[in-house]
N, C-alpha and C. Protein backbone atom coordinates (compact mmCIF):
# COMPACT_ATOMS: atom_id res chain seq x y z
N UNK A 1 0.58 -1.24 0.10
CA UNK A 1 0.45 -0.04 -0.06
C UNK A 1 0.98 1.43 -0.07
N UNK A 2 2.29 1.25 0.16
CA UNK A 2 3.05 2.40 0.16
C UNK A 2 3.36 2.53 -1.66
N UNK A 3 2.69 2.01 -2.72
CA UNK A 3 3.34 1.99 -3.78
C UNK A 3 2.31 3.71 -4.18
N UNK A 4 3.45 4.04 -5.18
CA UNK A 4 3.03 5.68 -5.41
C UNK A 4 1.57 5.08 -6.04
N UNK A 5 1.35 3.98 -6.42
CA UNK A 5 0.06 4.00 -7.46
C UNK A 5 -0.84 3.07 -7.00
N UNK A 6 -0.99 2.80 -5.70
CA UNK A 6 -1.77 2.11 -5.02
C UNK A 6 -3.16 2.31 -5.27
N UNK A 7 -3.46 3.98 -4.94
CA UNK A 7 -4.69 4.06 -4.94
C UNK A 7 -5.57 3.79 -6.20
N UNK A 8 -4.85 3.68 -7.78
CA UNK A 8 -5.63 3.09 -8.61
C UNK A 8 -6.03 2.17 -8.75
N UNK A 9 -5.52 1.44 -7.75
CA UNK A 9 -6.18 -0.38 -7.45
C UNK A 9 -7.61 -0.14 -6.69
N UNK A 10 -7.68 0.90 -5.49
CA UNK A 10 -8.78 0.94 -5.08
C UNK A 10 -10.16 1.22 -5.36
N UNK A 11 -11.26 -0.11 -5.65
CA UNK A 11 -12.08 0.41 -5.93
C UNK A 11 -12.99 0.85 -4.69
N UNK A 12 -12.70 0.49 -3.78
CA UNK A 12 -13.81 1.25 -2.78
C UNK A 12 -13.42 0.44 -1.40
N UNK A 13 -13.51 0.90 0.14
CA UNK A 13 -13.32 0.83 1.27
C UNK A 13 -12.23 0.51 1.38
N UNK A 14 -11.13 1.50 0.93
CA UNK A 14 -9.75 1.69 1.70
C UNK A 14 -9.49 3.33 1.40
N UNK A 15 -8.93 3.20 2.50
CA UNK A 15 -8.06 5.05 2.15
C UNK A 15 -7.60 5.20 1.66
N UNK A 16 -7.73 6.66 0.98
CA UNK A 16 -6.76 6.90 -0.33
C UNK A 16 -6.00 7.94 -0.34
N UNK A 17 -4.98 8.60 -0.57
CA UNK A 17 -4.78 10.12 -1.12
C UNK A 17 -3.53 10.34 -0.18
N UNK A 18 -3.12 10.93 -0.36
CA UNK A 18 -1.38 11.27 0.30
C UNK A 18 -1.57 11.60 2.03
N UNK A 19 -1.12 10.83 2.74
CA UNK A 19 -1.31 10.80 3.80
C UNK A 19 -1.57 9.77 4.24
N UNK A 20 -2.13 8.18 3.25
CA UNK A 20 -2.96 7.60 3.39
C UNK A 20 -1.83 6.40 4.52
N UNK A 21 -0.70 6.65 3.76
CA UNK A 21 0.15 5.94 4.72
C UNK A 21 0.70 4.37 4.20
N UNK A 22 1.45 3.30 4.75
CA UNK A 22 1.43 2.21 4.05
C UNK A 22 0.87 1.31 5.11
N UNK A 23 -0.30 2.02 5.48
CA UNK A 23 -0.68 0.53 6.53
C UNK A 23 -2.08 0.98 6.53
N UNK A 24 -2.82 0.78 5.35
CA UNK A 24 -4.28 1.92 5.27
C UNK A 24 -5.80 1.53 5.70
N UNK A 25 -6.34 1.84 6.23
CA UNK A 25 -7.80 1.46 7.18
C UNK A 25 -8.21 1.35 6.18
N UNK A 26 -9.68 0.37 6.34
CA UNK A 26 -10.45 -0.38 5.74
C UNK A 26 -11.43 -0.25 6.36
N UNK A 27 -12.86 -0.44 5.36
CA UNK A 27 -13.97 -0.82 6.37
C UNK A 27 -14.05 -1.88 6.42
N UNK A 28 -15.12 -3.01 6.47
CA UNK A 28 -16.01 -3.71 6.61
C UNK A 28 -15.83 -4.60 5.77
N UNK A 29 -15.96 -3.52 4.22
CA UNK A 29 -15.92 -4.36 2.91
C UNK A 29 -15.26 -3.61 2.03
N UNK A 30 -13.99 -4.21 1.56
CA UNK A 30 -13.51 -4.12 0.47
C UNK A 30 -13.23 -3.89 -0.39
N UNK A 31 -13.23 -3.38 -1.94
CA UNK A 31 -12.46 -4.27 -3.41
C UNK A 31 -11.15 -3.73 -3.88
N UNK A 32 -10.93 -4.11 -4.07
CA UNK A 32 -9.43 -3.81 -5.29
C UNK A 32 -9.46 -4.57 -6.91
N UNK A 33 -8.18 -4.11 -7.73
CA UNK A 33 -8.56 -3.87 -9.08
C UNK A 33 -7.66 -4.26 -9.47
N UNK A 34 -6.92 -4.88 -10.81
CA UNK A 34 -5.41 -5.38 -10.28
C UNK A 34 -5.64 -5.53 -12.22
N UNK A 35 -4.70 -5.35 -12.71
CA UNK A 35 -4.45 -5.45 -14.76
C UNK A 35 -4.76 -6.62 -14.58
N UNK A 36 -4.42 -7.52 -15.82
CA UNK A 36 -4.75 -8.89 -15.89
C UNK A 36 -3.85 -9.06 -15.92
N UNK A 37 -3.71 -11.04 -15.28
CA UNK A 37 -1.91 -11.75 -15.00
C UNK A 37 -1.98 -12.28 -16.07
N UNK A 38 -0.57 -12.67 -16.41
CA UNK A 38 -0.06 -13.72 -17.77
C UNK A 38 -0.69 -15.02 -17.02
N UNK A 39 -0.88 -15.86 -18.02
CA UNK A 39 -1.12 -17.39 -17.63
C UNK A 39 -0.61 -17.88 -16.57
N UNK A 40 -1.11 -18.76 -15.86
CA UNK A 40 -0.41 -19.36 -15.29
C UNK A 40 -1.24 -19.86 -13.45
N UNK A 41 -0.34 -20.59 -12.61
CA UNK A 41 -0.92 -20.58 -11.26
C UNK A 41 -0.69 -19.09 -10.23
N UNK A 42 -1.64 -19.12 -9.65
CA UNK A 42 -1.78 -17.34 -8.90
C UNK A 42 -2.44 -17.96 -7.53
N UNK A 43 -1.77 -17.19 -6.26
CA UNK A 43 -2.32 -16.93 -5.19
C UNK A 43 -2.62 -15.86 -4.56
N UNK A 44 -3.83 -15.57 -4.42
CA UNK A 44 -4.27 -14.83 -3.57
C UNK A 44 -3.95 -14.22 -2.42
N UNK A 45 -3.09 -12.85 -2.30
CA UNK A 45 -2.32 -12.40 -0.68
C UNK A 45 -2.61 -11.23 -0.45
N UNK A 46 -3.33 -11.42 0.98
CA UNK A 46 -3.39 -10.36 1.44
C UNK A 46 -2.76 -9.80 2.85
N UNK A 47 -1.71 -8.90 3.22
CA UNK A 47 -1.25 -8.81 4.46
C UNK A 47 -2.36 -7.84 5.53
N UNK A 48 -2.36 -8.00 6.30
CA UNK A 48 -3.19 -6.76 7.16
C UNK A 48 -2.65 -7.02 8.74
N UNK A 49 -2.83 -6.19 9.32
CA UNK A 49 -3.10 -5.71 10.32
C UNK A 49 -4.04 -5.77 11.68
N UNK A 50 -4.46 -7.02 12.38
CA UNK A 50 -5.66 -7.18 13.49
C UNK A 50 -5.47 -5.46 13.87
N UNK A 51 -6.37 -5.18 14.58
CA UNK A 51 -6.28 -4.44 16.15
C UNK A 51 -6.87 -4.39 17.38
N UNK A 52 -5.37 -5.24 18.41
CA UNK A 52 -5.78 -5.18 19.46
C UNK A 52 -7.49 -4.77 20.22
N UNK A 53 -7.44 -3.53 20.33
CA UNK A 53 -8.24 -3.10 20.69
C UNK A 53 -10.02 -3.02 19.57
N UNK A 54 -10.18 -3.81 18.83
CA UNK A 54 -10.92 -4.23 17.82
C UNK A 54 -11.67 -5.70 18.19
N UNK A 55 -10.55 -6.38 18.61
CA UNK A 55 -10.63 -7.85 18.98
C UNK A 55 -10.90 -7.98 20.39
N UNK A 56 -10.53 -6.54 21.33
CA UNK A 56 -11.40 -7.16 22.48
C UNK A 56 -12.20 -6.49 22.59
N UNK A 57 -12.62 -5.71 22.40
CA UNK A 57 -14.28 -5.01 22.11
C UNK A 57 -15.25 -5.93 20.90
N UNK A 58 -14.94 -6.34 19.93
CA UNK A 58 -15.73 -7.29 19.23
C UNK A 58 -15.30 -8.86 19.17
N UNK A 59 -14.47 -9.11 19.55
CA UNK A 59 -14.38 -10.08 19.16
C UNK A 59 -13.92 -11.47 18.50
N UNK A 60 -13.64 -12.20 18.29
CA UNK A 60 -12.63 -12.86 16.89
C UNK A 60 -12.93 -12.15 15.24
N UNK A 61 -12.12 -11.38 14.92
CA UNK A 61 -12.56 -11.16 13.38
C UNK A 61 -12.46 -12.45 12.04
N UNK A 62 -14.01 -12.27 11.64
CA UNK A 62 -13.84 -13.62 9.88
C UNK A 62 -13.57 -12.24 8.80
N UNK A 63 -12.59 -12.74 8.35
CA UNK A 63 -12.57 -12.32 7.00
C UNK A 63 -12.47 -13.57 6.11
N UNK A 64 -13.55 -13.16 4.76
CA UNK A 64 -13.89 -12.90 3.96
C UNK A 64 -13.30 -12.98 2.56
N UNK A 65 -12.56 -13.88 1.14
CA UNK A 65 -11.61 -13.08 0.18
C UNK A 65 -12.28 -13.96 -0.87
N UNK A 66 -12.47 -12.75 -1.73
CA UNK A 66 -13.32 -12.96 -3.28
C UNK A 66 -12.31 -13.14 -4.15
N UNK A 67 -12.57 -13.71 -4.98
CA UNK A 67 -11.51 -12.80 -6.58
C UNK A 67 -12.76 -13.39 -7.38
N UNK A 68 -13.10 -12.13 -8.13
CA UNK A 68 -13.45 -12.01 -9.34
C UNK A 68 -15.08 -12.33 -9.22
N UNK A 69 -15.44 -12.34 -7.88
CA UNK A 69 -16.96 -13.02 -7.54
C UNK A 69 -16.90 -14.09 -6.72
N UNK A 70 -15.97 -14.86 -6.43
CA UNK A 70 -15.96 -16.40 -6.02
C UNK A 70 -14.84 -16.59 -5.38
N UNK A 71 -15.87 -16.65 -3.97
CA UNK A 71 -15.34 -16.80 -2.22
C UNK A 71 -14.50 -17.77 -2.47
N UNK A 72 -13.25 -17.36 -2.30
CA UNK A 72 -11.73 -18.68 -2.46
C UNK A 72 -11.84 -18.50 -1.02
N UNK A 73 -11.61 -18.23 0.12
CA UNK A 73 -11.58 -18.24 1.87
C UNK A 73 -12.16 -17.51 2.86
N UNK A 74 -12.37 -18.20 3.63
CA UNK A 74 -12.97 -17.55 4.98
C UNK A 74 -12.18 -18.25 5.84
N UNK A 75 -11.95 -17.37 6.93
CA UNK A 75 -10.32 -17.37 7.73
C UNK A 75 -10.81 -16.25 9.34
N UNK A 76 -10.90 -17.37 10.46
CA UNK A 76 -11.33 -16.37 11.71
C UNK A 76 -10.08 -16.03 12.62
N UNK A 77 -10.03 -15.06 13.16
CA UNK A 77 -8.49 -14.45 13.31
C UNK A 77 -8.84 -14.34 14.96
N UNK A 78 -8.46 -14.41 15.68
CA UNK A 78 -7.95 -14.42 17.21
C UNK A 78 -7.30 -13.75 17.91
N UNK A 79 -6.63 -13.63 17.61
CA UNK A 79 -4.93 -12.70 17.58
C UNK A 79 -4.69 -11.68 16.73
N UNK A 80 -4.29 -10.76 17.73
CA UNK A 80 -3.85 -8.60 17.48
C UNK A 80 -2.33 -9.19 16.40
N UNK A 81 -2.12 -8.43 15.23
CA UNK A 81 -0.68 -8.49 14.74
C UNK A 81 -1.33 -8.57 13.71
N UNK A 82 0.02 -8.01 13.12
CA UNK A 82 0.09 -8.65 11.45
C UNK A 82 -0.17 -10.08 10.75
N UNK A 83 -0.67 -10.18 9.95
CA UNK A 83 -1.53 -11.41 9.73
C UNK A 83 -0.85 -11.58 7.98
N UNK A 84 -0.72 -12.71 7.45
CA UNK A 84 -0.69 -13.25 6.21
C UNK A 84 -1.76 -14.12 5.52
N UNK A 85 -2.85 -13.17 4.55
CA UNK A 85 -3.97 -14.41 4.72
C UNK A 85 -4.08 -14.41 3.02
N UNK A 86 -3.69 -16.21 2.41
CA UNK A 86 -3.89 -16.58 0.94
C UNK A 86 -4.54 -17.43 0.80
N UNK A 87 -4.73 -17.28 -0.56
CA UNK A 87 -5.52 -18.08 -1.46
C UNK A 87 -5.27 -18.67 -2.93
N UNK A 88 -5.43 -19.93 -2.92
CA UNK A 88 -5.06 -20.04 -4.13
C UNK A 88 -5.51 -19.77 -5.07
N UNK A 89 -5.75 -19.34 -6.34
CA UNK A 89 -6.83 -19.00 -7.25
C UNK A 89 -7.52 -20.60 -8.06
N UNK A 90 -8.33 -20.88 -8.25
CA UNK A 90 -8.98 -21.58 -9.37
C UNK A 90 -8.17 -21.66 -10.80
N UNK A 91 -7.63 -22.77 -11.55
CA UNK A 91 -7.52 -22.86 -13.30
C UNK A 91 -8.92 -22.26 -13.81
N UNK A 92 -8.73 -20.89 -14.22
CA UNK A 92 -9.90 -20.43 -14.81
C UNK A 92 -10.09 -19.62 -14.76
N UNK A 93 -10.22 -19.05 -13.39
CA UNK A 93 -11.02 -17.62 -12.44
C UNK A 93 -9.93 -16.84 -13.06
N UNK A 94 -8.84 -16.62 -13.27
CA UNK A 94 -8.81 -15.11 -13.89
C UNK A 94 -8.01 -15.42 -15.61
N UNK A 95 -8.89 -14.66 -16.60
CA UNK A 95 -8.49 -14.65 -17.79
C UNK A 95 -7.48 -13.97 -18.60
N UNK A 96 -6.74 -14.14 -19.23
CA UNK A 96 -5.63 -13.51 -19.73
C UNK A 96 -6.10 -12.12 -19.91
N UNK A 97 -6.87 -11.75 -20.85
CA UNK A 97 -7.70 -10.58 -21.40
C UNK A 97 -8.63 -9.63 -20.23
N UNK A 98 -9.00 -9.71 -19.27
CA UNK A 98 -9.71 -9.46 -18.47
C UNK A 98 -8.62 -9.31 -16.56
N UNK A 99 -9.09 -8.48 -15.74
CA UNK A 99 -8.76 -7.57 -14.62
C UNK A 99 -9.00 -8.76 -13.63
N UNK A 100 -8.21 -8.71 -12.84
CA UNK A 100 -8.58 -9.40 -12.10
C UNK A 100 -9.42 -8.21 -10.56
N UNK A 101 -10.45 -8.97 -9.96
CA UNK A 101 -10.77 -8.35 -8.71
C UNK A 101 -10.87 -9.14 -7.36
N UNK A 102 -10.38 -7.95 -6.50
CA UNK A 102 -9.96 -8.90 -5.27
C UNK A 102 -11.34 -7.75 -3.85
N UNK A 103 -12.19 -8.69 -3.45
CA UNK A 103 -13.34 -8.76 -2.65
C UNK A 103 -12.75 -9.11 -1.53
N UNK A 104 -13.49 -8.24 -0.20
CA UNK A 104 -12.82 -8.79 0.84
C UNK A 104 -13.97 -8.23 2.21
N UNK A 105 -14.29 -9.03 2.73
CA UNK A 105 -15.70 -9.11 3.68
C UNK A 105 -15.30 -9.22 4.79
N UNK A 106 -15.42 -8.62 5.94
CA UNK A 106 -14.95 -8.77 7.92
C UNK A 106 -16.54 -9.33 8.40
N UNK A 107 -16.38 -9.84 9.28
CA UNK A 107 -17.65 -9.92 9.88
C UNK A 107 -18.09 -8.94 11.21
N UNK A 108 -16.81 -8.37 11.06
CA UNK A 108 -16.83 -6.98 12.35
C UNK A 108 -16.11 -5.93 11.59
N UNK A 109 -16.66 -4.97 12.89
CA UNK A 109 -16.73 -3.54 11.83
C UNK A 109 -16.39 -2.40 13.52
N UNK A 110 -15.52 -1.57 13.47
CA UNK A 110 -15.53 -0.94 15.10
C UNK A 110 -15.83 0.80 14.36
N UNK A 111 -16.81 1.24 15.02
CA UNK A 111 -17.33 2.50 14.59
C UNK A 111 -16.20 3.77 15.33
N UNK A 112 -15.69 4.57 14.78
CA UNK A 112 -15.15 5.06 15.92
C UNK A 112 -15.92 6.42 16.38
N UNK A 113 -15.66 6.49 17.75
CA UNK A 113 -16.52 7.89 18.51
C UNK A 113 -16.44 8.79 17.88
N UNK A 114 -15.55 9.33 17.70
CA UNK A 114 -15.24 10.63 17.32
C UNK A 114 -15.59 11.21 16.09
N UNK A 115 -15.67 9.88 14.50
CA UNK A 115 -15.76 10.83 13.43
C UNK A 115 -16.85 9.74 12.94
N UNK A 116 -17.40 8.54 13.30
CA UNK A 116 -18.21 7.37 12.97
C UNK A 116 -17.87 6.93 12.21
N UNK A 117 -16.67 6.78 11.62
CA UNK A 117 -15.55 5.65 10.29
C UNK A 117 -15.85 4.66 11.25
N UNK A 118 -15.79 4.12 9.75
CA UNK A 118 -15.95 2.51 10.30
C UNK A 118 -15.23 1.16 9.91
N UNK A 119 -14.34 1.26 10.44
CA UNK A 119 -12.81 0.92 10.36
C UNK A 119 -13.14 -0.63 10.78
N UNK A 120 -11.75 -1.81 10.33
CA UNK A 120 -11.63 -3.07 10.31
C UNK A 120 -10.46 -3.38 10.37
N UNK A 121 -9.62 -4.01 9.03
CA UNK A 121 -7.93 -4.07 8.77
C UNK A 121 -7.45 -2.60 8.30
N UNK A 122 -6.31 -2.89 8.97
CA UNK A 122 -4.83 -1.79 8.79
C UNK A 122 -4.18 -2.83 7.05
N UNK A 123 -4.86 -2.96 5.75
CA UNK A 123 -4.48 -2.98 4.89
C UNK A 123 -2.51 -2.89 4.64
N UNK A 124 -1.14 -3.56 4.90
CA UNK A 124 -0.26 -3.44 3.92
C UNK A 124 0.13 -3.74 2.83
N UNK A 125 -0.88 -4.62 2.65
CA UNK A 125 -0.58 -5.25 0.65
C UNK A 125 -1.47 -6.08 0.11
N UNK A 126 -1.72 -6.42 -0.58
CA UNK A 126 -2.83 -6.67 -1.68
C UNK A 126 -2.61 -7.51 -2.92
N UNK A 127 -2.63 -8.62 -3.56
CA UNK A 127 -2.61 -8.90 -5.20
C UNK A 127 -2.44 -10.46 -5.11
N UNK A 128 -1.27 -10.63 -6.15
CA UNK A 128 -1.39 -11.92 -6.77
C UNK A 128 0.29 -12.34 -7.11
N UNK A 129 0.55 -13.63 -6.09
CA UNK A 129 1.94 -14.00 -6.60
C UNK A 129 1.53 -15.30 -7.35
N UNK A 130 2.97 -15.89 -8.20
CA UNK A 130 2.87 -17.09 -8.54
C UNK A 130 2.62 -17.86 -7.12
N UNK A 131 2.21 -19.37 -7.75
CA UNK A 131 2.50 -20.53 -6.20
C UNK A 131 3.49 -21.11 -7.17
């Protein structure tokens, strides 16, 4: 998320703009778009922070990861800290001439008392890596 081009991948639900930082707040639903990938075996990867206060107040976090509209993985997280969350992308789900989309939802959202912001994860990185 520290890349200068990170904002152009954000469709919704992730803080944008100068000062957003390399750990960007997400809402309980967010979407990212990517350029078409070359043929091959791919894994969708998220790297994020789970905030201790949120887990203490809201309980375990459920995270669902979808690619191009297909749910690939659901995880339940009970510990705060930095986490890597991977899902292998089935053959044929990514088409060479089409962009790829990652959608993430969490079962929990913390509402900031000061401004009502809906906060969930602190996203560090997201994208696709070769298997």
